[in-house]
C-alpha atoms as a PDB file:
ATOM      1  CA  SER A   1      55.883 157.053 148.958  1.00  0.00           C
ATOM      2  CA  LEU A   2      56.156 156.009 152.595  1.00  0.00           C
ATOM      3  CA  GLU A   3      56.681 152.420 151.473  1.00  0.00           C
ATOM      4  CA  GLU A   4      59.660 153.430 149.303  1.00  0.00           C
ATOM      5  CA  VAL A   5      61.168 155.460 152.155  1.00  0.00           C
ATOM      6  CA  MET A   6      60.808 152.503 154.526  1.00  0.00           C
ATOM      7  CA  GLN A   7      62.435 150.129 152.020  1.00  0.00           C
ATOM      8  CA  GLN A   8      65.403 152.503 151.802  1.00  0.00           C
ATOM      9  CA  LEU A   9      65.655 152.700 155.603  1.00  0.00           C
ATOM     10  CA  GLU A  10      65.684 148.902 155.803  1.00  0.00           C
ATOM     11  CA  ARG A  11      68.680 148.772 153.463  1.00  0.00           C
ATOM     12  CA  TRP A  12      70.622 151.685 154.972  1.00  0.00           C
ATOM     13  CA  TYR A  13      70.127 150.926 158.657  1.00  0.00           C
ATOM     14  CA  ASP A  14      69.719 147.121 158.592  1.00  0.00           C
ATOM     15  CA  ILE A  15      66.290 147.227 160.209  1.00  0.00           C
ATOM     16  CA  ASP A  16      63.001 145.472 159.517  1.00  0.00           C
ATOM     17  CA  VAL A  17      59.919 147.572 158.897  1.00  0.00           C
ATOM     18  CA  ALA A  18      56.436 146.290 159.652  1.00  0.00           C
ATOM     19  CA  TYR A  19      53.067 147.971 159.415  1.00  0.00           C
ATOM     20  CA  GLU A  20      50.594 147.538 162.251  1.00  0.00           C
ATOM     21  CA  ASN A  21      47.725 148.018 159.853  1.00  0.00           C
ATOM     22  CA  VAL A  22      47.686 149.019 156.189  1.00  0.00           C
ATOM     23  CA  ILE A  23      50.557 150.992 154.683  1.00  0.00           C
ATOM     24  CA  PRO A  24      49.586 154.681 154.978  1.00  0.00           C
ATOM     25  CA  ASN A  25      49.275 156.391 151.595  1.00  0.00           C
ATOM     26  CA  ILE A  26      51.728 159.234 152.183  1.00  0.00           C
ATOM     27  CA  GLU A  27      53.957 160.880 149.599  1.00  0.00           C
ATOM     28  CA  PHE A  28      57.219 162.657 150.407  1.00  0.00           C
ATOM     29  CA  GLY A  29      59.244 165.170 148.444  1.00  0.00           C
ATOM     30  CA  GLY A  30      62.925 165.953 148.744  1.00  0.00           C
ATOM     31  CA  GLU A  31      66.049 163.929 149.286  1.00  0.00           C
ATOM     32  CA  MET A  32      67.310 161.600 151.966  1.00  0.00           C
ATOM     33  CA  THR A  33      70.998 161.305 152.616  1.00  0.00           C
ATOM     34  CA  ARG A  34      72.663 158.324 154.135  1.00  0.00           C
ATOM     35  CA  ASN A  35      74.751 160.409 156.536  1.00  0.00           C
ATOM     36  CA  MET A  36      71.717 161.019 158.781  1.00  0.00           C
ATOM     37  CA  SER A  37      71.458 158.853 161.868  1.00  0.00           C
ATOM     38  CA  LEU A  38      68.463 156.546 162.183  1.00  0.00           C
ATOM     39  CA  ASN A  39      67.324 158.646 165.137  1.00  0.00           C
ATOM     40  CA  GLY A  40      67.448 161.784 162.964  1.00  0.00           C
ATOM     41  CA  VAL A  41      65.364 160.100 160.282  1.00  0.00           C
ATOM     42  CA  LEU A  42      62.823 158.942 162.864  1.00  0.00           C
ATOM     43  CA  ILE A  43      62.507 162.479 164.230  1.00  0.00           C
ATOM     44  CA  ALA A  44      61.852 163.745 160.698  1.00  0.00           C
ATOM     45  CA  LEU A  45      59.199 161.062 160.166  1.00  0.00           C
ATOM     46  CA  GLU A  46      57.554 162.014 163.451  1.00  0.00           C
ATOM     47  CA  LYS A  47      57.434 165.660 162.368  1.00  0.00           C
ATOM     48  CA  SER A  48      55.745 164.476 159.156  1.00  0.00           C
ATOM     49  CA  GLY A  49      52.971 162.874 161.193  1.00  0.00           C
ATOM     50  CA  ILE A  50      54.229 159.290 160.995  1.00  0.00           C
ATOM     51  CA  ARG A  51      53.678 157.335 164.198  1.00  0.00           C
ATOM     52  CA  TYR A  52      55.949 154.401 164.918  1.00  0.00           C
ATOM     53  CA  ARG A  53      57.291 152.111 167.602  1.00  0.00           C
ATOM     54  CA  LEU A  54      60.881 150.852 167.601  1.00  0.00           C
ATOM     55  CA  GLU A  55      61.457 147.395 169.103  1.00  0.00           C
ATOM     56  CA  GLY A  56      65.135 146.536 168.818  1.00  0.00           C
ATOM     57  CA  ARG A  57      65.876 146.395 165.079  1.00  0.00           C
ATOM     58  CA  LYS A  58      62.179 146.370 164.120  1.00  0.00           C
ATOM     59  CA  LEU A  59      60.392 149.599 163.200  1.00  0.00           C
ATOM     60  CA  ILE A  60      56.623 149.262 163.405  1.00  0.00           C
ATOM     61  CA  VAL A  61      54.630 151.924 161.567  1.00  0.00           C
ATOM     62  CA  LEU A  62      51.411 152.656 163.445  1.00  0.00           C
ATOM     63  CA  PRO A  63      48.097 153.763 161.966  1.00  0.00           C
ATOM     64  CA  LYS A  64      47.213 157.446 162.192  1.00  0.00           C
END
């Protein structure tokens, strides 16, 4: 789920994730590897239709 992905990103990249509204109910398939840069992960999320705003070390997930 998106929530599980965000929890993993918090651990790997030492960021805080917040949701501007409710947590979107989105499921992902596949694998994430830790050798990807945070920017690379964010690009992949964007391509999956996830909107976000990055403020320093805080990633804010925006509603669709």
